[in-house]
Amino acid sequence: MENYSKARTVEQPSVCPFPGLPPDTPEVRVKDGSKIRNLMRYALSRMEAKAKAAEEEERPPPEEGGGGAAEGKKEAAARPLCSHIIFTASGKGVSKAITCAEIVKRRVKGLHQLTKLLYSTVVEVWEPLEPAAGLDSLTVNRNLPAIWILLSREPMDCSQPGYQPPGRYDLLWAQSANKEEGGGSTGLRTGHKRKKGGGGGGGGGRGRGAGRHAGRSRDAA
């Protein structure tokens, strides 16, 4: 590919793996360069009443006329909060999408989670550096790992693969932390015993040597 340069990259749209959702369900597409602060502001405004009110207060009023601002506030207040939200990402943005979902679960209690792992297709078009060389353009299809995370206030089917009930992530993190602490303490004790044993041998050798010198000095006296 040294004689080619990438002309463009097109990501094929993927179908949502969660059928039967309400039409007003927000779908947050997380990219590698997305800022978590901006994503959280939008997601929490659709799922949390406090964040929604704060967003309306921070929004600057229009320059002409105050009626538009009042109408916008009435529409925002009349619009109900969403019961579902979707986070999706592919490639390098997968870890950022997981982080966003965990933050929302900590802010909004009692959310059920359903995770799907898929592959998204990315089409890359490569053009030759020298068209006069007789080289043709190349089209490369790449499959990138993608993740779809559904957070819902309503209960879901527990038998589905990837289902996670609310309140379980804190327990899992606590168990993993306890295991790490237990393994770390065991390792320190083992190392301490080894170090103590080595030091004891050295100390014994020095003690014997000192005793010999003391005995010689007494005989000489």
C-alpha atoms as a PDB file:
ATOM      1  CA  MET A   1       0.000   0.000   0.000  1.00  0.00           C
ATOM      2  CA  GLU A   2       3.010   2.303  -0.192  1.00  0.00           C
ATOM      3  CA  ASN A   3       1.881   3.507  -3.623  1.00  0.00           C
ATOM      4  CA  TYR A   4      -1.589   4.452  -2.378  1.00  0.00           C
ATOM      5  CA  SER A   5      -3.098   7.111  -0.158  1.00  0.00           C
ATOM      6  CA  LYS A   6      -6.389   6.854   1.723  1.00  0.00           C
ATOM      7  CA  ALA A   7      -8.957   9.014  -0.035  1.00  0.00           C
ATOM      8  CA  ARG A   8     -11.989   8.584   2.229  1.00  0.00           C
ATOM      9  CA  THR A   9     -13.498   6.373   4.892  1.00  0.00           C
ATOM     10  CA  VAL A  10     -17.202   5.591   5.049  1.00  0.00           C
ATOM     11  CA  GLU A  11     -18.788   3.765   7.978  1.00  0.00           C
ATOM     12  CA  GLN A  12     -21.781   1.699   7.007  1.00  0.00           C
ATOM     13  CA  PRO A  13     -24.871   2.387   9.134  1.00  0.00           C
ATOM     14  CA  SER A  14     -25.723  -0.470  11.458  1.00  0.00           C
ATOM     15  CA  VAL A  15     -29.192  -1.506  12.555  1.00  0.00           C
ATOM     16  CA  CYS A  16     -30.138  -1.074  16.203  1.00  0.00           C
ATOM     17  CA  PRO A  17     -30.211  -4.532  17.865  1.00  0.00           C
ATOM     18  CA  PHE A  18     -32.966  -3.469  20.299  1.00  0.00           C
ATOM     19  CA  PRO A  19     -36.342  -3.715  18.550  1.00  0.00           C
ATOM     20  CA  GLY A  20     -39.581  -2.424  19.979  1.00  0.00           C
ATOM     21  CA  LEU A  21     -38.229   0.720  21.653  1.00  0.00           C
ATOM     22  CA  PRO A  22     -40.249   3.939  21.840  1.00  0.00           C
ATOM     23  CA  PRO A  23     -39.670   6.308  18.901  1.00  0.00           C
ATOM     24  CA  ASP A  24     -38.327   9.065  21.187  1.00  0.00           C
ATOM     25  CA  THR A  25     -35.487   6.906  22.548  1.00  0.00           C
ATOM     26  CA  PRO A  26     -32.248   8.922  22.238  1.00  0.00           C
ATOM     27  CA  GLU A  27     -29.307   7.202  20.557  1.00  0.00           C
ATOM     28  CA  VAL A  28     -25.914   8.574  21.574  1.00  0.00           C
ATOM     29  CA  ARG A  29     -23.176   7.756  19.064  1.00  0.00           C
ATOM     30  CA  VAL A  30     -19.823   7.955  20.803  1.00  0.00           C
ATOM     31  CA  LYS A  31     -16.731   8.700  18.727  1.00  0.00           C
ATOM     32  CA  ASP A  32     -13.073   8.490  19.638  1.00  0.00           C
ATOM     33  CA  GLY A  33     -12.805  12.278  19.781  1.00  0.00           C
ATOM     34  CA  SER A  34     -16.088  12.879  21.632  1.00  0.00           C
ATOM     35  CA  LYS A  35     -15.973  14.697  24.954  1.00  0.00           C
ATOM     36  CA  ILE A  36     -17.574  12.824  27.814  1.00  0.00           C
ATOM     37  CA  ARG A  37     -18.729  16.095  29.376  1.00  0.00           C
ATOM     38  CA  ASN A  38     -20.823  16.988  26.337  1.00  0.00           C
ATOM     39  CA  LEU A  39     -22.205  13.458  26.032  1.00  0.00           C
ATOM     40  CA  MET A  40     -23.200  13.389  29.695  1.00  0.00           C
ATOM     41  CA  ARG A  41     -24.884  16.769  29.475  1.00  0.00           C
ATOM     42  CA  TYR A  42     -27.148  15.530  26.720  1.00  0.00           C
ATOM     43  CA  ALA A  43     -27.771  12.065  28.175  1.00  0.00           C
ATOM     44  CA  LEU A  44     -28.595  13.282  31.673  1.00  0.00           C
ATOM     45  CA  SER A  45     -30.878  15.985  30.294  1.00  0.00           C
ATOM     46  CA  ARG A  46     -33.002  13.215  28.779  1.00  0.00           C
ATOM     47  CA  MET A  47     -32.884  10.893  31.792  1.00  0.00           C
ATOM     48  CA  GLU A  48     -32.595  13.137  34.867  1.00  0.00           C
ATOM     49  CA  ALA A  49     -34.919  15.985  35.847  1.00  0.00           C
ATOM     50  CA  LYS A  50     -32.247  18.017  37.692  1.00  0.00           C
ATOM     51  CA  ALA A  51     -29.816  17.928  34.786  1.00  0.00           C
ATOM     52  CA  LYS A  52     -32.611  18.883  32.414  1.00  0.00           C
ATOM     53  CA  ALA A  53     -33.536  21.939  34.475  1.00  0.00           C
ATOM     54  CA  ALA A  54     -29.888  22.991  34.759  1.00  0.00           C
ATOM     55  CA  GLU A  55     -29.437  22.750  31.009  1.00  0.00           C
ATOM     56  CA  GLU A  56     -32.458  24.974  30.415  1.00  0.00           C
ATOM     57  CA  GLU A  57     -31.097  27.583  32.832  1.00  0.00           C
ATOM     58  CA  GLU A  58     -27.656  27.617  31.169  1.00  0.00           C
ATOM     59  CA  ARG A  59     -29.131  27.967  27.702  1.00  0.00           C
ATOM     60  CA  PRO A  60     -28.776  31.619  26.530  1.00  0.00           C
ATOM     61  CA  PRO A  61     -32.037  33.407  25.663  1.00  0.00           C
ATOM     62  CA  PRO A  62     -32.709  34.532  22.072  1.00  0.00           C
ATOM     63  CA  GLU A  63     -31.661  38.044  21.091  1.00  0.00           C
ATOM     64  CA  GLU A  64     -35.025  39.210  19.778  1.00  0.00           C
ATOM     65  CA  GLY A  65     -38.162  38.876  21.893  1.00  0.00           C
ATOM     66  CA  GLY A  66     -38.639  37.031  25.139  1.00  0.00           C
ATOM     67  CA  GLY A  67     -41.660  35.020  24.039  1.00  0.00           C
ATOM     68  CA  GLY A  68     -39.527  32.405  22.301  1.00  0.00           C
ATOM     69  CA  ALA A  69     -37.583  31.645  25.473  1.00  0.00           C
ATOM     70  CA  ALA A  70     -40.775  31.236  27.490  1.00  0.00           C
ATOM     71  CA  GLU A  71     -42.247  28.918  24.873  1.00  0.00           C
ATOM     72  CA  GLY A  72     -39.048  26.866  24.779  1.00  0.00           C
ATOM     73  CA  LYS A  73     -39.115  26.413  28.542  1.00  0.00           C
ATOM     74  CA  LYS A  74     -42.757  25.341  28.423  1.00  0.00           C
ATOM     75  CA  GLU A  75     -42.017  22.784  25.711  1.00  0.00           C
ATOM     76  CA  ALA A  76     -39.018  21.429  27.650  1.00  0.00           C
ATOM     77  CA  ALA A  77     -41.090  21.178  30.831  1.00  0.00           C
ATOM     78  CA  ALA A  78     -43.958  19.485  29.000  1.00  0.00           C
ATOM     79  CA  ARG A  79     -41.665  16.945  27.321  1.00  0.00           C
ATOM     80  CA  PRO A  80     -41.473  13.843  29.551  1.00  0.00           C
ATOM     81  CA  LEU A  81     -38.202  12.216  30.490  1.00  0.00           C
ATOM     82  CA  CYS A  82     -37.113   9.217  28.450  1.00  0.00           C
ATOM     83  CA  SER A  83     -37.332   5.749  29.916  1.00  0.00           C
ATOM     84  CA  HIS A  84     -34.636   4.356  27.593  1.00  0.00           C
ATOM     85  CA  ILE A  85     -31.305   5.567  26.243  1.00  0.00           C
ATOM     86  CA  ILE A  86     -28.780   3.906  23.925  1.00  0.00           C
ATOM     87  CA  PHE A  87     -25.005   4.324  23.786  1.00  0.00           C
ATOM     88  CA  THR A  88     -23.246   2.956  20.727  1.00  0.00           C
ATOM     89  CA  ALA A  89     -19.639   3.098  19.558  1.00  0.00           C
ATOM     90  CA  SER A  90     -17.172   1.214  17.383  1.00  0.00           C
ATOM     91  CA  GLY A  91     -13.422   0.846  17.317  1.00  0.00           C
ATOM     92  CA  LYS A  92     -11.554   3.124  19.727  1.00  0.00           C
ATOM     93  CA  GLY A  93     -14.749   4.693  21.044  1.00  0.00           C
ATOM     94  CA  VAL A  94     -15.985   1.484  22.713  1.00  0.00           C
ATOM     95  CA  SER A  95     -14.287   2.161  26.048  1.00  0.00           C
ATOM     96  CA  LYS A  96     -15.638   5.718  26.106  1.00  0.00           C
ATOM     97  CA  ALA A  97     -19.192   4.464  25.511  1.00  0.00           C
ATOM     98  CA  ILE A  98     -18.845   2.055  28.455  1.00  0.00           C
ATOM     99  CA  THR A  99     -17.645   4.927  30.644  1.00  0.00           C
ATOM    100  CA  CYS A 100     -20.663   7.039  29.676  1.00  0.00           C
ATOM    101  CA  ALA A 101     -23.071   4.216  30.511  1.00  0.00           C
ATOM    102  CA  GLU A 102     -21.481   3.674  33.926  1.00  0.00           C
ATOM    103  CA  ILE A 103     -21.693   7.389  34.756  1.00  0.00           C
ATOM    104  CA  VAL A 104     -25.382   7.488  33.847  1.00  0.00           C
ATOM    105  CA  LYS A 105     -26.060   4.401  35.984  1.00  0.00           C
ATOM    106  CA  ARG A 106     -24.440   6.081  38.962  1.00  0.00           C
ATOM    107  CA  ARG A 107     -26.434   9.287  38.504  1.00  0.00           C
ATOM    108  CA  VAL A 108     -29.776   7.665  37.686  1.00  0.00           C
ATOM    109  CA  LYS A 109     -30.492   4.795  40.055  1.00  0.00           C
ATOM    110  CA  GLY A 110     -32.421   1.655  39.178  1.00  0.00           C
ATOM    111  CA  LEU A 111     -31.475   1.358  35.494  1.00  0.00           C
ATOM    112  CA  HIS A 112     -31.489  -2.017  33.772  1.00  0.00           C
ATOM    113  CA  GLN A 113     -28.700  -2.621  31.237  1.00  0.00           C
ATOM    114  CA  LEU A 114     -28.564  -4.745  28.114  1.00  0.00           C
ATOM    115  CA  THR A 115     -25.316  -4.961  26.140  1.00  0.00           C
ATOM    116  CA  LYS A 116     -24.833  -6.268  22.615  1.00  0.00           C
ATOM    117  CA  LEU A 117     -21.469  -6.823  20.903  1.00  0.00           C
ATOM    118  CA  LEU A 118     -21.515  -6.611  17.115  1.00  0.00           C
ATOM    119  CA  TYR A 119     -19.295  -5.710  14.173  1.00  0.00           C
ATOM    120  CA  SER A 120     -19.624  -2.592  12.051  1.00  0.00           C
ATOM    121  CA  THR A 121     -18.317  -2.369   8.490  1.00  0.00           C
ATOM    122  CA  VAL A 122     -15.997   0.445   7.453  1.00  0.00           C
ATOM    123  CA  VAL A 123     -15.266   1.016   3.762  1.00  0.00           C
ATOM    124  CA  GLU A 124     -11.901   2.577   2.897  1.00  0.00           C
ATOM    125  CA  VAL A 125     -11.137   3.900  -0.569  1.00  0.00           C
ATOM    126  CA  TRP A 126      -7.467   4.117  -1.566  1.00  0.00           C
ATOM    127  CA  GLU A 127      -6.292   6.100  -4.558  1.00  0.00           C
ATOM    128  CA  PRO A 128      -2.901   5.644  -6.304  1.00  0.00           C
ATOM    129  CA  LEU A 129      -0.284   8.322  -5.694  1.00  0.00           C
ATOM    130  CA  GLU A 130       0.598   8.408  -9.398  1.00  0.00           C
ATOM    131  CA  PRO A 131      -2.463   7.903 -11.634  1.00  0.00           C
ATOM    132  CA  ALA A 132      -0.215   7.655 -14.688  1.00  0.00           C
ATOM    133  CA  ALA A 133       1.341   4.456 -13.320  1.00  0.00           C
ATOM    134  CA  GLY A 134      -1.723   2.463 -14.333  1.00  0.00           C
ATOM    135  CA  LEU A 135      -2.804   1.487 -10.817  1.00  0.00           C
ATOM    136  CA  ASP A 136      -6.489   1.125 -10.008  1.00  0.00           C
ATOM    137  CA  SER A 137      -8.214   2.490  -6.923  1.00  0.00           C
ATOM    138  CA  LEU A 138      -8.761  -0.001  -4.115  1.00  0.00           C
ATOM    139  CA  THR A 139     -11.765  -0.503  -1.854  1.00  0.00           C
ATOM    140  CA  VAL A 140     -11.088  -2.192   1.469  1.00  0.00           C
ATOM    141  CA  ASN A 141     -13.820  -3.415   3.813  1.00  0.00           C
ATOM    142  CA  ARG A 142     -12.862  -3.639   7.474  1.00  0.00           C
ATOM    143  CA  ASN A 143     -14.905  -5.034  10.347  1.00  0.00           C
ATOM    144  CA  LEU A 144     -14.618  -3.094  13.586  1.00  0.00           C
ATOM    145  CA  PRO A 145     -15.938  -4.304  16.955  1.00  0.00           C
ATOM    146  CA  ALA A 146     -18.977  -2.308  18.033  1.00  0.00           C
ATOM    147  CA  ILE A 147     -20.970  -2.110  21.245  1.00  0.00           C
ATOM    148  CA  TRP A 148     -24.603  -1.224  21.869  1.00  0.00           C
ATOM    149  CA  ILE A 149     -25.657  -0.437  25.453  1.00  0.00           C
ATOM    150  CA  LEU A 150     -29.320  -0.017  26.342  1.00  0.00           C
ATOM    151  CA  LEU A 151     -30.237   1.569  29.684  1.00  0.00           C
ATOM    152  CA  SER A 152     -33.873   1.267  30.692  1.00  0.00           C
ATOM    153  CA  ARG A 153     -36.002   2.277  33.636  1.00  0.00           C
ATOM    154  CA  GLU A 154     -38.401  -0.539  32.819  1.00  0.00           C
ATOM    155  CA  PRO A 155     -37.546  -4.171  33.663  1.00  0.00           C
ATOM    156  CA  MET A 156     -36.256  -6.344  30.825  1.00  0.00           C
ATOM    157  CA  ASP A 157     -35.970 -10.046  30.143  1.00  0.00           C
ATOM    158  CA  CYS A 158     -33.363 -11.407  32.561  1.00  0.00           C
ATOM    159  CA  SER A 159     -32.641 -14.426  30.344  1.00  0.00           C
ATOM    160  CA  GLN A 160     -31.202 -12.331  27.513  1.00  0.00           C
ATOM    161  CA  PRO A 161     -27.416 -12.533  27.065  1.00  0.00           C
ATOM    162  CA  GLY A 162     -25.769  -9.334  28.199  1.00  0.00           C
ATOM    163  CA  TYR A 163     -28.468  -8.371  30.719  1.00  0.00           C
ATOM    164  CA  GLN A 164     -27.309  -6.652  33.909  1.00  0.00           C
ATOM    165  CA  PRO A 165     -29.773  -5.816  36.713  1.00  0.00           C
ATOM    166  CA  PRO A 166     -29.576  -2.482  38.528  1.00  0.00           C
ATOM    167  CA  GLY A 167     -27.264  -2.126  41.481  1.00  0.00           C
ATOM    168  CA  ARG A 168     -24.994  -5.050  40.617  1.00  0.00           C
ATOM    169  CA  TYR A 169     -21.959  -3.148  39.325  1.00  0.00           C
ATOM    170  CA  ASP A 170     -21.027  -1.752  42.756  1.00  0.00           C
ATOM    171  CA  LEU A 171     -21.064  -5.261  44.201  1.00  0.00           C
ATOM    172  CA  LEU A 172     -18.850  -6.606  41.442  1.00  0.00           C
ATOM    173  CA  TRP A 173     -16.345  -3.783  41.879  1.00  0.00           C
ATOM    174  CA  ALA A 174     -16.272  -4.362  45.642  1.00  0.00           C
ATOM    175  CA  GLN A 175     -15.605  -8.081  45.199  1.00  0.00           C
ATOM    176  CA  SER A 176     -12.798  -7.463  42.715  1.00  0.00           C
ATOM    177  CA  ALA A 177     -11.261  -4.858  45.017  1.00  0.00           C
ATOM    178  CA  ASN A 178     -11.327  -7.268  47.952  1.00  0.00           C
ATOM    179  CA  LYS A 179      -9.667  -9.967  45.859  1.00  0.00           C
ATOM    180  CA  GLU A 180      -6.921  -7.595  44.783  1.00  0.00           C
ATOM    181  CA  GLU A 181      -6.327  -6.450  48.340  1.00  0.00           C
ATOM    182  CA  GLY A 182      -6.202 -10.029  49.593  1.00  0.00           C
ATOM    183  CA  GLY A 183      -3.740 -11.090  46.896  1.00  0.00           C
ATOM    184  CA  GLY A 184      -1.574  -8.061  47.516  1.00  0.00           C
ATOM    185  CA  SER A 185      -1.353  -8.645  51.255  1.00  0.00           C
ATOM    186  CA  THR A 186      -0.420 -12.308  50.729  1.00  0.00           C
ATOM    187  CA  GLY A 187       2.333 -11.353  48.366  1.00  0.00           C
ATOM    188  CA  LEU A 188       3.744  -8.816  50.821  1.00  0.00           C
ATOM    189  CA  ARG A 189       3.778 -11.336  53.636  1.00  0.00           C
ATOM    190  CA  THR A 190       5.546 -13.930  51.518  1.00  0.00           C
ATOM    191  CA  GLY A 191       8.134 -11.432  50.412  1.00  0.00           C
ATOM    192  CA  HIS A 192       8.604 -10.245  53.969  1.00  0.00           C
ATOM    193  CA  LYS A 193       9.306 -13.785  55.153  1.00  0.00           C
ATOM    194  CA  ARG A 194      11.859 -14.309  52.434  1.00  0.00           C
ATOM    195  CA  LYS A 195      13.551 -11.026  53.191  1.00  0.00           C
ATOM    196  CA  LYS A 196      13.563 -11.804  56.896  1.00  0.00           C
ATOM    197  CA  GLY A 197      15.104 -15.208  56.306  1.00  0.00           C
ATOM    198  CA  GLY A 198      17.849 -13.790  54.152  1.00  0.00           C
ATOM    199  CA  GLY A 199      18.593 -11.080  56.690  1.00  0.00           C
ATOM    200  CA  GLY A 200      18.741 -13.642  59.498  1.00  0.00           C
ATOM    201  CA  GLY A 201      21.380 -15.666  57.692  1.00  0.00           C
ATOM    202  CA  GLY A 202      23.505 -12.602  57.117  1.00  0.00           C
ATOM    203  CA  GLY A 203      23.108 -11.500  60.715  1.00  0.00           C
ATOM    204  CA  GLY A 204      24.136 -14.919  61.983  1.00  0.00           C
ATOM    205  CA  GLY A 205      27.290 -14.854  59.911  1.00  0.00           C
ATOM    206  CA  ARG A 206      28.236 -11.473  61.184  1.00  0.00           C
ATOM    207  CA  GLY A 207      27.541 -12.528  64.769  1.00  0.00           C
ATOM    208  CA  ARG A 208      29.815 -15.541  64.477  1.00  0.00           C
ATOM    209  CA  GLY A 209      32.541 -13.455  63.017  1.00  0.00           C
ATOM    210  CA  ALA A 210      32.268 -10.935  65.813  1.00  0.00           C
ATOM    211  CA  GLY A 211      32.378 -13.738  68.393  1.00  0.00           C
ATOM    212  CA  ARG A 212      35.598 -15.135  66.940  1.00  0.00           C
ATOM    213  CA  HIS A 213      37.290 -11.750  67.037  1.00  0.00           C
ATOM    214  CA  ALA A 214      36.178 -11.272  70.627  1.00  0.00           C
ATOM    215  CA  GLY A 215      37.602 -14.640  71.603  1.00  0.00           C
ATOM    216  CA  ARG A 216      40.961 -13.887  70.043  1.00  0.00           C
ATOM    217  CA  SER A 217      41.195 -10.584  71.830  1.00  0.00           C
ATOM    218  CA  ARG A 218      40.532 -12.279  75.193  1.00  0.00           C
ATOM    219  CA  ASP A 219      43.203 -14.901  74.611  1.00  0.00           C
ATOM    220  CA  ALA A 220      45.625 -12.249  73.670  1.00  0.00           C
ATOM    221  CA  ALA A 221      44.832 -10.388  76.868  1.00  0.00           C
END
